[in-house]
C-alpha cells in the first residue's frame, strides 16, 4: 500500500480520532525504523562522471545508509569537517573516500574528492554477498526506501503509526491502546519473519 493508504488504515483502526498529519509523521518514523531492520534496503549502482562530485538521491530513497565507491565503503562526513580539512576541498579530484549529504538544490550525495574517472558503459551483474563484486568505477548507494515495504507489513506500519499517536498528549491519549498496538505489530512482524 502507499503511504496514504496505510494512514487511512490507521485512521480506521483508530476510529477516526487520530490526527492525519501527525500520523503521516509517525508513519515516516516507522518507515525509518523499518529500514534499520534491512527489510526495505535497496542497492543503487550509479555511473559517475570525472570531475562531477554530486549525484541526486535515488527516487523513493528516504536516506542513504552507506555508500561505496567500488568495493571500498566511503565514510560519511559533514560539510564543516571538509571545510576545516581543506579550503579547496570542493575542487579536488581522485578516488572518493568520503561523502556528505547536501540539500542544494535537491538532496544529493556529494563525493570527496570528485571521481577522476568516468564509469565504463557496461558492468557485470551484482550478486556477491557483501558487495565483493561491486563495479570499481561506480558509486553504490544502500538506501532506506519509502515505498518498498512488503504488503504484509502494511498493518504493522499502521499500528506502529498509532503507537505514538495514542502515546502523545491529546484528547484521545490512551496508553493501553498504544501498548496493544505495539504487541500486535510485533506479533505480525514475527509471524512474517521480520525482527
N, C-alpha and C. Protein backbone atom coordinates (compact mmCIF):
# COMPACT_ATOMS: atom_id res chain seq x y z
N UNK A 1 0.83 -1.18 0.00
CA UNK A 1 0.00 0.00 0.00
C UNK A 1 0.87 1.24 0.00
N UNK A 2 0.35 2.28 -0.53
CA UNK A 2 1.03 3.56 -0.49
C UNK A 2 0.86 4.18 0.90
N UNK A 3 1.66 5.19 1.18
CA UNK A 3 1.62 5.86 2.47
C UNK A 3 0.21 6.32 2.82
N UNK A 4 -0.47 6.93 1.87
CA UNK A 4 -1.83 7.44 2.13
C UNK A 4 -2.78 6.32 2.52
N UNK A 5 -2.62 5.15 1.90
CA UNK A 5 -3.50 4.02 2.21
C UNK A 5 -3.21 3.46 3.61
N UNK A 6 -1.94 3.42 3.99
CA UNK A 6 -1.60 2.93 5.33
C UNK A 6 -2.11 3.91 6.39
N UNK A 7 -2.01 5.20 6.11
CA UNK A 7 -2.54 6.20 7.05
C UNK A 7 -4.06 6.08 7.16
N UNK A 8 -4.73 5.83 6.03
CA UNK A 8 -6.18 5.62 6.07
C UNK A 8 -6.52 4.39 6.90
N UNK A 9 -5.75 3.31 6.74
CA UNK A 9 -5.95 2.11 7.54
C UNK A 9 -5.79 2.43 9.03
N UNK A 10 -4.75 3.20 9.36
CA UNK A 10 -4.53 3.59 10.76
C UNK A 10 -5.70 4.42 11.28
N UNK A 11 -6.23 5.30 10.45
CA UNK A 11 -7.40 6.11 10.85
C UNK A 11 -8.61 5.23 11.14
N UNK A 12 -8.82 4.22 10.30
CA UNK A 12 -9.95 3.30 10.50
C UNK A 12 -9.77 2.54 11.82
N UNK A 13 -8.56 2.04 12.06
CA UNK A 13 -8.29 1.31 13.30
C UNK A 13 -8.51 2.22 14.51
N UNK A 14 -8.13 3.49 14.38
CA UNK A 14 -8.25 4.45 15.48
C UNK A 14 -9.67 4.99 15.64
N UNK A 15 -10.56 4.58 14.79
CA UNK A 15 -11.93 5.07 14.88
C UNK A 15 -12.09 6.51 14.44
N UNK A 16 -11.15 6.99 13.63
CA UNK A 16 -11.24 8.34 13.09
C UNK A 16 -10.78 9.45 14.02
N UNK A 17 -10.23 9.11 15.19
CA UNK A 17 -9.83 10.16 16.13
C UNK A 17 -8.38 10.62 15.95
N UNK A 18 -7.61 9.88 15.20
CA UNK A 18 -6.19 10.21 15.04
C UNK A 18 -6.01 11.39 14.09
N UNK A 19 -4.99 12.19 14.35
CA UNK A 19 -4.67 13.34 13.51
C UNK A 19 -3.91 12.86 12.28
N UNK A 20 -4.41 13.17 11.10
CA UNK A 20 -3.83 12.64 9.86
C UNK A 20 -2.42 13.16 9.60
N UNK A 21 -2.16 14.41 9.90
CA UNK A 21 -0.83 14.98 9.67
C UNK A 21 0.18 14.33 10.62
N UNK A 22 -0.19 14.21 11.88
CA UNK A 22 0.69 13.58 12.85
C UNK A 22 0.92 12.12 12.50
N UNK A 23 -0.13 11.44 12.04
CA UNK A 23 0.02 10.04 11.62
C UNK A 23 1.03 9.92 10.49
N UNK A 24 1.02 10.88 9.57
CA UNK A 24 1.99 10.88 8.48
C UNK A 24 3.42 10.96 8.99
N UNK A 25 3.63 11.81 10.01
CA UNK A 25 4.96 11.92 10.61
C UNK A 25 5.34 10.62 11.32
N UNK A 26 4.40 10.04 12.05
CA UNK A 26 4.67 8.78 12.75
C UNK A 26 4.91 7.65 11.75
N UNK A 27 4.20 7.68 10.62
CA UNK A 27 4.43 6.68 9.57
C UNK A 27 5.87 6.79 9.04
N UNK A 28 6.33 8.03 8.80
CA UNK A 28 7.70 8.23 8.32
C UNK A 28 8.71 7.68 9.32
N UNK A 29 8.47 7.93 10.62
CA UNK A 29 9.37 7.41 11.65
C UNK A 29 9.35 5.87 11.66
N UNK A 30 8.15 5.29 11.48
CA UNK A 30 8.04 3.83 11.45
C UNK A 30 8.78 3.25 10.24
N UNK A 31 8.71 3.94 9.11
CA UNK A 31 9.44 3.51 7.91
C UNK A 31 10.95 3.54 8.16
N UNK A 32 11.43 4.59 8.81
CA UNK A 32 12.87 4.68 9.11
C UNK A 32 13.28 3.56 10.05
N UNK A 33 12.45 3.28 11.05
CA UNK A 33 12.76 2.17 11.97
C UNK A 33 12.76 0.85 11.21
N UNK A 34 11.85 0.71 10.26
CA UNK A 34 11.78 -0.50 9.44
C UNK A 34 13.04 -0.63 8.59
N UNK A 35 13.55 0.50 8.11
CA UNK A 35 14.77 0.47 7.29
C UNK A 35 15.95 -0.07 8.09
N UNK A 36 15.97 0.22 9.38
CA UNK A 36 17.05 -0.30 10.22
C UNK A 36 17.02 -1.82 10.34
N UNK A 37 15.89 -2.44 10.05
CA UNK A 37 15.79 -3.89 10.09
C UNK A 37 16.23 -4.52 8.77
N UNK A 38 16.59 -3.68 7.80
CA UNK A 38 17.09 -4.11 6.50
C UNK A 38 16.05 -4.81 5.64
N UNK A 39 14.78 -4.58 5.93
CA UNK A 39 13.73 -5.13 5.09
C UNK A 39 13.52 -4.26 3.86
N UNK A 40 13.71 -2.96 4.00
CA UNK A 40 13.44 -2.03 2.90
C UNK A 40 14.71 -1.37 2.38
N UNK A 41 15.81 -2.08 2.38
CA UNK A 41 17.07 -1.53 1.87
C UNK A 41 17.22 -1.90 0.40
N UNK A 42 17.60 -0.91 -0.39
CA UNK A 42 17.82 -1.11 -1.82
C UNK A 42 19.25 -0.71 -2.16
N UNK A 43 19.81 -1.37 -3.17
CA UNK A 43 21.13 -1.03 -3.68
C UNK A 43 20.96 -0.30 -5.00
N UNK A 44 21.64 0.83 -5.13
CA UNK A 44 21.60 1.62 -6.37
C UNK A 44 23.02 1.75 -6.88
N UNK A 45 23.23 1.39 -8.12
CA UNK A 45 24.56 1.48 -8.75
C UNK A 45 24.50 2.65 -9.73
N UNK A 46 25.33 3.65 -9.47
CA UNK A 46 25.25 4.92 -10.19
C UNK A 46 26.55 5.16 -10.96
N UNK A 47 26.41 5.41 -12.25
CA UNK A 47 27.57 5.75 -13.07
C UNK A 47 28.05 7.14 -12.68
N UNK A 48 29.37 7.31 -12.60
CA UNK A 48 29.95 8.61 -12.24
C UNK A 48 30.63 9.24 -13.45
N UNK A 49 30.79 10.55 -13.37
CA UNK A 49 31.46 11.31 -14.42
C UNK A 49 32.68 11.98 -13.81
N UNK A 50 33.79 11.92 -14.50
CA UNK A 50 35.03 12.53 -14.00
C UNK A 50 34.80 14.00 -13.68
N UNK A 51 35.21 14.40 -12.49
CA UNK A 51 35.09 15.80 -12.07
C UNK A 51 33.74 16.19 -11.51
N UNK A 52 32.75 15.31 -11.58
CA UNK A 52 31.40 15.62 -11.07
C UNK A 52 31.24 15.00 -9.67
N UNK A 53 31.14 15.85 -8.62
CA UNK A 53 31.06 15.30 -7.27
C UNK A 53 29.64 15.01 -6.77
N UNK A 54 28.61 15.59 -7.39
CA UNK A 54 27.24 15.50 -6.83
C UNK A 54 26.34 14.58 -7.64
N UNK A 55 25.59 13.74 -6.90
CA UNK A 55 24.67 12.79 -7.52
C UNK A 55 23.37 12.80 -6.73
N UNK A 56 22.23 12.95 -7.44
CA UNK A 56 20.95 13.07 -6.73
C UNK A 56 20.56 11.77 -6.03
N UNK A 57 19.79 11.94 -4.96
CA UNK A 57 19.24 10.78 -4.26
C UNK A 57 18.39 9.97 -5.23
N UNK A 58 18.44 8.64 -5.13
CA UNK A 58 17.55 7.83 -5.96
C UNK A 58 16.08 8.09 -5.58
N UNK A 59 15.19 7.88 -6.52
CA UNK A 59 13.77 8.03 -6.28
C UNK A 59 13.35 7.09 -5.15
N UNK A 60 12.49 7.56 -4.26
CA UNK A 60 11.95 6.82 -3.11
C UNK A 60 12.95 6.61 -1.98
N UNK A 61 14.18 7.11 -2.09
CA UNK A 61 15.15 6.93 -1.01
C UNK A 61 14.82 7.90 0.12
N UNK A 62 14.63 7.33 1.32
CA UNK A 62 14.39 8.17 2.49
C UNK A 62 15.71 8.69 3.04
N UNK A 63 16.73 7.83 3.02
CA UNK A 63 18.05 8.23 3.47
C UNK A 63 19.08 7.25 2.90
N UNK A 64 20.30 7.72 2.82
CA UNK A 64 21.40 6.86 2.40
C UNK A 64 21.98 6.23 3.66
N UNK A 65 22.00 4.91 3.69
CA UNK A 65 22.55 4.21 4.84
C UNK A 65 24.06 4.15 4.77
N UNK A 66 24.58 3.88 3.59
CA UNK A 66 26.02 3.88 3.38
C UNK A 66 26.30 4.01 1.88
N UNK A 67 27.53 4.34 1.56
CA UNK A 67 27.93 4.50 0.16
C UNK A 67 29.26 3.78 -0.06
N UNK A 68 29.43 3.28 -1.27
CA UNK A 68 30.67 2.62 -1.67
C UNK A 68 31.14 3.25 -2.97
N UNK A 69 32.43 3.25 -3.17
CA UNK A 69 32.98 3.52 -4.49
C UNK A 69 33.81 2.30 -4.81
N UNK A 70 33.32 1.51 -5.75
CA UNK A 70 33.92 0.21 -5.99
C UNK A 70 33.64 -0.67 -4.78
N UNK A 71 34.63 -1.37 -4.31
CA UNK A 71 34.44 -2.26 -3.16
C UNK A 71 34.81 -1.57 -1.85
N UNK A 72 35.09 -0.28 -1.89
CA UNK A 72 35.50 0.45 -0.69
C UNK A 72 34.34 1.26 -0.13
N UNK A 73 34.05 1.05 1.15
CA UNK A 73 33.00 1.82 1.80
C UNK A 73 33.51 3.24 2.05
N UNK A 74 32.66 4.21 1.72
CA UNK A 74 33.02 5.61 1.94
C UNK A 74 32.50 6.06 3.30
N UNK A 75 33.27 6.86 3.98
CA UNK A 75 32.85 7.40 5.27
C UNK A 75 31.93 8.60 5.03
N UNK A 76 30.89 8.71 5.83
CA UNK A 76 30.04 9.89 5.73
C UNK A 76 30.67 10.98 6.57
N UNK A 77 30.69 12.19 6.03
CA UNK A 77 31.30 13.32 6.71
C UNK A 77 30.31 14.47 6.77
N UNK A 78 30.73 15.56 7.35
CA UNK A 78 29.94 16.79 7.42
C UNK A 78 30.66 17.86 6.63
N UNK A 79 29.90 18.80 6.10
CA UNK A 79 30.46 19.87 5.29
C UNK A 79 31.52 20.65 6.05
N UNK A 80 31.26 20.99 7.31
CA UNK A 80 32.23 21.79 8.05
C UNK A 80 33.54 21.03 8.28
N UNK A 81 33.49 19.70 8.38
CA UNK A 81 34.72 18.91 8.53
C UNK A 81 35.57 19.00 7.26
N UNK A 82 34.93 18.98 6.10
CA UNK A 82 35.68 19.11 4.85
C UNK A 82 36.26 20.50 4.70
N UNK A 83 35.50 21.52 5.11
CA UNK A 83 35.99 22.89 5.02
C UNK A 83 37.18 23.12 5.94
N UNK A 84 37.17 22.49 7.12
CA UNK A 84 38.30 22.61 8.04
C UNK A 84 39.52 21.87 7.48
N UNK A 85 39.30 20.73 6.85
CA UNK A 85 40.41 19.93 6.32
C UNK A 85 41.12 20.63 5.17
N UNK A 86 40.35 21.32 4.33
CA UNK A 86 40.97 21.96 3.16
C UNK A 86 40.04 23.04 2.61
N UNK A 87 40.61 24.23 2.35
CA UNK A 87 39.79 25.30 1.76
C UNK A 87 39.44 24.99 0.31
N UNK A 88 40.23 24.14 -0.34
CA UNK A 88 40.00 23.83 -1.75
C UNK A 88 39.38 22.45 -1.93
N UNK A 89 38.70 21.95 -0.92
CA UNK A 89 38.16 20.59 -0.96
C UNK A 89 37.19 20.39 -2.12
N UNK A 90 36.40 21.41 -2.46
CA UNK A 90 35.36 21.21 -3.48
C UNK A 90 35.91 21.03 -4.88
N UNK A 91 37.16 21.41 -5.12
CA UNK A 91 37.75 21.25 -6.45
C UNK A 91 38.64 20.03 -6.59
N UNK A 92 38.81 19.28 -5.52
CA UNK A 92 39.72 18.13 -5.55
C UNK A 92 39.14 16.97 -6.36
N UNK A 93 40.01 16.25 -7.06
CA UNK A 93 39.61 15.05 -7.78
C UNK A 93 40.53 13.90 -7.38
N UNK A 94 40.03 12.69 -7.54
CA UNK A 94 40.77 11.49 -7.18
C UNK A 94 39.79 10.35 -6.94
N UNK A 95 40.19 9.38 -6.14
CA UNK A 95 39.28 8.30 -5.77
C UNK A 95 38.52 8.73 -4.53
N UNK A 96 37.19 8.77 -4.59
CA UNK A 96 36.40 9.24 -3.44
C UNK A 96 36.69 8.41 -2.18
N UNK A 97 36.77 9.11 -1.04
CA UNK A 97 36.99 8.46 0.25
C UNK A 97 35.90 8.80 1.26
N UNK A 98 35.13 9.86 0.99
CA UNK A 98 34.07 10.26 1.89
C UNK A 98 32.93 10.90 1.11
N UNK A 99 31.79 11.06 1.77
CA UNK A 99 30.65 11.70 1.13
C UNK A 99 29.90 12.52 2.16
N UNK A 100 29.21 13.54 1.65
CA UNK A 100 28.35 14.34 2.51
C UNK A 100 26.98 14.41 1.84
N UNK A 101 25.97 14.66 2.64
CA UNK A 101 24.62 14.86 2.11
C UNK A 101 24.39 16.36 2.00
N UNK A 102 23.94 16.78 0.83
CA UNK A 102 23.61 18.20 0.64
C UNK A 102 22.14 18.31 0.24
N UNK A 103 21.60 19.51 0.36
CA UNK A 103 20.20 19.73 0.03
C UNK A 103 20.04 20.86 -0.99
N UNK A 104 21.10 21.25 -1.65
CA UNK A 104 21.04 22.35 -2.60
C UNK A 104 21.30 21.85 -4.01
N UNK A 105 20.49 22.01 -4.97
CA UNK A 105 19.10 22.44 -4.89
C UNK A 105 18.16 21.30 -4.50
N UNK A 106 18.66 20.06 -4.51
CA UNK A 106 17.88 18.89 -4.11
C UNK A 106 18.78 18.01 -3.25
N UNK A 107 18.20 16.99 -2.66
CA UNK A 107 19.01 16.08 -1.84
C UNK A 107 20.00 15.36 -2.74
N UNK A 108 21.28 15.49 -2.40
CA UNK A 108 22.32 14.86 -3.21
C UNK A 108 23.36 14.21 -2.31
N UNK A 109 24.10 13.30 -2.91
CA UNK A 109 25.29 12.73 -2.30
C UNK A 109 26.46 13.42 -3.00
N UNK A 110 27.29 14.08 -2.20
CA UNK A 110 28.43 14.82 -2.73
C UNK A 110 29.70 14.06 -2.34
N UNK A 111 30.45 13.60 -3.34
CA UNK A 111 31.66 12.81 -3.10
C UNK A 111 32.88 13.70 -2.93
N UNK A 112 33.79 13.29 -2.05
CA UNK A 112 35.06 13.97 -1.89
C UNK A 112 36.17 12.94 -1.86
N UNK A 113 37.20 13.14 -2.67
CA UNK A 113 37.24 14.07 -3.79
C UNK A 113 36.32 13.61 -4.91
N UNK A 114 36.06 14.51 -5.85
CA UNK A 114 35.24 14.13 -7.01
C UNK A 114 35.97 13.03 -7.78
N UNK A 115 35.23 12.07 -8.34
CA UNK A 115 35.89 10.99 -9.08
C UNK A 115 36.76 11.55 -10.22
N UNK A 116 37.90 10.91 -10.45
CA UNK A 116 38.77 11.35 -11.54
C UNK A 116 38.62 10.48 -12.78
N UNK A 117 37.65 9.56 -12.73
CA UNK A 117 37.37 8.71 -13.89
C UNK A 117 35.87 8.71 -14.17
N UNK A 118 35.53 8.38 -15.40
CA UNK A 118 34.13 8.23 -15.79
C UNK A 118 33.83 6.75 -15.87
N UNK A 119 32.65 6.36 -15.40
CA UNK A 119 32.26 4.95 -15.41
C UNK A 119 32.20 4.42 -16.82
N UNK A 120 32.63 3.17 -16.98
CA UNK A 120 32.52 2.49 -18.27
C UNK A 120 31.04 2.23 -18.57
N UNK A 121 30.73 1.97 -19.82
CA UNK A 121 29.33 1.80 -20.22
C UNK A 121 28.67 0.53 -19.75
N UNK A 122 29.44 -0.50 -19.42
CA UNK A 122 28.87 -1.79 -19.08
C UNK A 122 29.49 -2.29 -17.80
N UNK A 123 28.69 -2.98 -16.97
CA UNK A 123 29.25 -3.61 -15.78
C UNK A 123 28.56 -4.94 -15.58
N UNK A 124 29.24 -5.91 -14.97
CA UNK A 124 28.63 -7.22 -14.76
C UNK A 124 27.53 -7.15 -13.70
N UNK A 125 26.69 -8.14 -13.70
CA UNK A 125 25.61 -8.22 -12.72
C UNK A 125 26.20 -8.31 -11.31
N UNK A 126 25.55 -7.65 -10.37
CA UNK A 126 25.99 -7.66 -8.98
C UNK A 126 25.18 -8.72 -8.25
N UNK A 127 25.84 -9.51 -7.45
CA UNK A 127 25.10 -10.53 -6.74
C UNK A 127 25.89 -11.17 -5.62
N UNK A 128 27.16 -10.86 -5.52
CA UNK A 128 28.01 -11.43 -4.49
C UNK A 128 27.63 -10.84 -3.13
N UNK A 129 27.46 -11.69 -2.12
CA UNK A 129 27.18 -11.15 -0.79
C UNK A 129 28.31 -10.21 -0.34
N UNK A 130 27.98 -9.22 0.41
CA UNK A 130 28.92 -8.23 0.95
C UNK A 130 29.52 -7.34 -0.12
N UNK A 131 28.96 -7.34 -1.33
CA UNK A 131 29.39 -6.41 -2.36
C UNK A 131 30.77 -6.63 -2.92
N UNK A 132 31.28 -7.84 -2.84
CA UNK A 132 32.63 -8.09 -3.32
C UNK A 132 32.76 -7.92 -4.83
N UNK A 133 31.64 -7.94 -5.54
CA UNK A 133 31.71 -7.77 -6.99
C UNK A 133 31.13 -6.44 -7.46
N UNK A 134 31.09 -5.44 -6.57
CA UNK A 134 30.65 -4.11 -7.00
C UNK A 134 31.62 -3.60 -8.06
N UNK A 135 31.10 -2.92 -9.08
CA UNK A 135 31.98 -2.37 -10.10
C UNK A 135 32.92 -1.33 -9.48
N UNK A 136 34.17 -1.31 -9.90
CA UNK A 136 35.17 -0.45 -9.28
C UNK A 136 35.05 1.01 -9.70
N UNK A 137 34.27 1.30 -10.74
CA UNK A 137 34.19 2.67 -11.24
C UNK A 137 32.80 3.29 -11.05
N UNK A 138 32.04 2.81 -10.07
CA UNK A 138 30.68 3.30 -9.86
C UNK A 138 30.44 3.63 -8.39
N UNK A 139 29.49 4.53 -8.19
CA UNK A 139 29.02 4.86 -6.85
C UNK A 139 27.89 3.89 -6.51
N UNK A 140 27.99 3.25 -5.38
CA UNK A 140 26.96 2.31 -4.93
C UNK A 140 26.35 2.89 -3.66
N UNK A 141 25.04 3.06 -3.67
CA UNK A 141 24.33 3.58 -2.51
C UNK A 141 23.40 2.52 -1.95
N UNK A 142 23.46 2.29 -0.66
CA UNK A 142 22.48 1.46 0.03
C UNK A 142 21.53 2.43 0.71
N UNK A 143 20.26 2.37 0.34
CA UNK A 143 19.30 3.35 0.83
C UNK A 143 18.12 2.70 1.53
N UNK A 144 17.57 3.41 2.49
CA UNK A 144 16.30 3.04 3.09
C UNK A 144 15.22 3.60 2.17
N UNK A 145 14.36 2.72 1.70
CA UNK A 145 13.36 3.10 0.70
C UNK A 145 12.00 3.36 1.33
N UNK A 146 11.28 4.31 0.75
CA UNK A 146 9.99 4.72 1.30
C UNK A 146 8.86 3.76 0.97
N UNK A 147 8.76 3.32 -0.23
CA UNK A 147 7.57 2.60 -0.66
C UNK A 147 7.84 1.15 -1.06
N UNK A 148 8.82 0.50 -0.46
CA UNK A 148 9.11 -0.86 -0.88
C UNK A 148 8.85 -1.90 0.20
N UNK A 149 8.17 -1.50 1.27
CA UNK A 149 7.86 -2.48 2.32
C UNK A 149 6.94 -3.54 1.74
N UNK A 150 7.18 -4.81 2.07
CA UNK A 150 6.30 -5.87 1.58
C UNK A 150 4.86 -5.62 2.05
N UNK A 151 3.88 -6.03 1.27
CA UNK A 151 2.48 -5.76 1.61
C UNK A 151 2.06 -6.27 2.99
N UNK A 152 2.67 -7.36 3.44
CA UNK A 152 2.27 -7.90 4.74
C UNK A 152 2.70 -6.99 5.90
N UNK A 153 3.54 -5.97 5.61
CA UNK A 153 3.95 -5.04 6.66
C UNK A 153 3.07 -3.79 6.74
N UNK A 154 2.05 -3.70 5.88
CA UNK A 154 1.17 -2.54 5.93
C UNK A 154 0.46 -2.41 7.27
N UNK A 155 -0.09 -3.50 7.78
CA UNK A 155 -0.78 -3.44 9.06
C UNK A 155 0.19 -3.11 10.20
N UNK A 156 1.37 -3.76 10.30
CA UNK A 156 2.31 -3.34 11.34
C UNK A 156 2.74 -1.87 11.24
N UNK A 157 2.87 -1.36 10.00
CA UNK A 157 3.21 0.06 9.84
C UNK A 157 2.07 0.96 10.34
N UNK A 158 0.84 0.58 10.02
CA UNK A 158 -0.31 1.35 10.52
C UNK A 158 -0.36 1.31 12.04
N UNK A 159 -0.13 0.15 12.61
CA UNK A 159 -0.14 0.02 14.07
C UNK A 159 1.02 0.80 14.70
N UNK A 160 2.20 0.74 14.09
CA UNK A 160 3.34 1.49 14.61
C UNK A 160 3.07 2.99 14.58
N UNK A 161 2.35 3.45 13.56
CA UNK A 161 1.97 4.86 13.49
C UNK A 161 1.03 5.22 14.64
N UNK A 162 0.16 4.29 15.00
CA UNK A 162 -0.80 4.54 16.07
C UNK A 162 -0.18 4.49 17.46
N UNK A 163 0.92 3.76 17.60
CA UNK A 163 1.58 3.66 18.91
C UNK A 163 1.88 5.05 19.45
N UNK A 164 2.58 5.86 18.65
CA UNK A 164 2.94 7.20 19.11
C UNK A 164 1.73 8.14 19.13
N UNK A 165 0.79 7.92 18.22
CA UNK A 165 -0.42 8.76 18.20
C UNK A 165 -1.18 8.63 19.52
N UNK A 166 -1.28 7.43 20.06
CA UNK A 166 -2.02 7.25 21.31
C UNK A 166 -1.16 7.46 22.55
N UNK A 167 0.15 7.66 22.37
CA UNK A 167 1.04 7.99 23.49
C UNK A 167 1.11 9.49 23.74
N UNK A 168 0.98 10.27 22.66
CA UNK A 168 1.19 11.71 22.79
C UNK A 168 0.04 12.36 23.55
N UNK A 169 0.31 13.54 24.09
CA UNK A 169 -0.73 14.29 24.79
C UNK A 169 -1.77 14.75 23.78
N UNK A 170 -3.00 14.32 23.98
CA UNK A 170 -4.10 14.71 23.10
C UNK A 170 -5.41 14.36 23.80
N UNK A 171 -6.52 14.71 23.17
CA UNK A 171 -7.82 14.38 23.76
C UNK A 171 -8.17 12.90 23.61
N UNK A 172 -7.36 12.18 22.85
CA UNK A 172 -7.61 10.74 22.67
C UNK A 172 -6.43 9.89 23.14
N UNK A 173 -5.61 10.42 24.03
CA UNK A 173 -4.47 9.68 24.57
C UNK A 173 -4.96 8.42 25.27
N UNK A 174 -4.32 7.29 24.93
CA UNK A 174 -4.73 6.02 25.54
C UNK A 174 -3.53 5.07 25.57
N UNK A 175 -2.80 5.03 26.68
CA UNK A 175 -1.61 4.17 26.77
C UNK A 175 -1.92 2.69 26.57
N UNK A 176 -3.11 2.24 26.93
CA UNK A 176 -3.44 0.82 26.75
C UNK A 176 -3.58 0.48 25.27
N UNK A 177 -4.19 1.36 24.49
CA UNK A 177 -4.30 1.13 23.05
C UNK A 177 -2.91 1.16 22.43
N UNK A 178 -2.07 2.09 22.87
CA UNK A 178 -0.70 2.18 22.37
C UNK A 178 0.06 0.89 22.65
N UNK A 179 -0.04 0.38 23.86
CA UNK A 179 0.65 -0.86 24.23
C UNK A 179 0.12 -2.05 23.43
N UNK A 180 -1.19 -2.09 23.22
CA UNK A 180 -1.78 -3.18 22.43
C UNK A 180 -1.29 -3.11 20.98
N UNK A 181 -1.17 -1.90 20.44
CA UNK A 181 -0.68 -1.73 19.06
C UNK A 181 0.77 -2.21 18.95
N UNK A 182 1.59 -1.94 19.97
CA UNK A 182 2.98 -2.42 19.98
C UNK A 182 3.00 -3.94 19.92
N UNK A 183 2.21 -4.59 20.78
CA UNK A 183 2.22 -6.05 20.84
C UNK A 183 1.69 -6.68 19.55
N UNK A 184 0.62 -6.12 19.00
CA UNK A 184 0.04 -6.67 17.78
C UNK A 184 0.98 -6.48 16.59
N UNK A 185 1.60 -5.31 16.48
CA UNK A 185 2.55 -5.08 15.38
C UNK A 185 3.73 -6.04 15.48
N UNK A 186 4.24 -6.25 16.69
CA UNK A 186 5.35 -7.17 16.88
C UNK A 186 4.95 -8.59 16.53
N UNK A 187 3.75 -9.01 16.94
CA UNK A 187 3.26 -10.34 16.62
C UNK A 187 3.20 -10.56 15.11
N UNK A 188 2.66 -9.60 14.38
CA UNK A 188 2.53 -9.74 12.92
C UNK A 188 3.91 -9.76 12.27
N UNK A 189 4.83 -8.87 12.72
CA UNK A 189 6.19 -8.89 12.15
C UNK A 189 6.87 -10.23 12.42
N UNK A 190 6.72 -10.75 13.61
CA UNK A 190 7.33 -12.05 13.95
C UNK A 190 6.75 -13.18 13.11
N UNK A 191 5.43 -13.14 12.86
CA UNK A 191 4.81 -14.16 12.02
C UNK A 191 5.37 -14.12 10.61
N UNK A 192 5.74 -12.92 10.14
CA UNK A 192 6.29 -12.77 8.81
C UNK A 192 7.79 -12.99 8.75
N UNK A 193 8.41 -13.21 9.90
CA UNK A 193 9.85 -13.44 9.93
C UNK A 193 10.70 -12.19 10.05
N UNK A 194 10.06 -11.05 10.30
CA UNK A 194 10.82 -9.80 10.45
C UNK A 194 11.14 -9.58 11.92
N UNK A 195 12.24 -8.89 12.20
CA UNK A 195 12.60 -8.59 13.60
C UNK A 195 11.69 -7.54 14.20
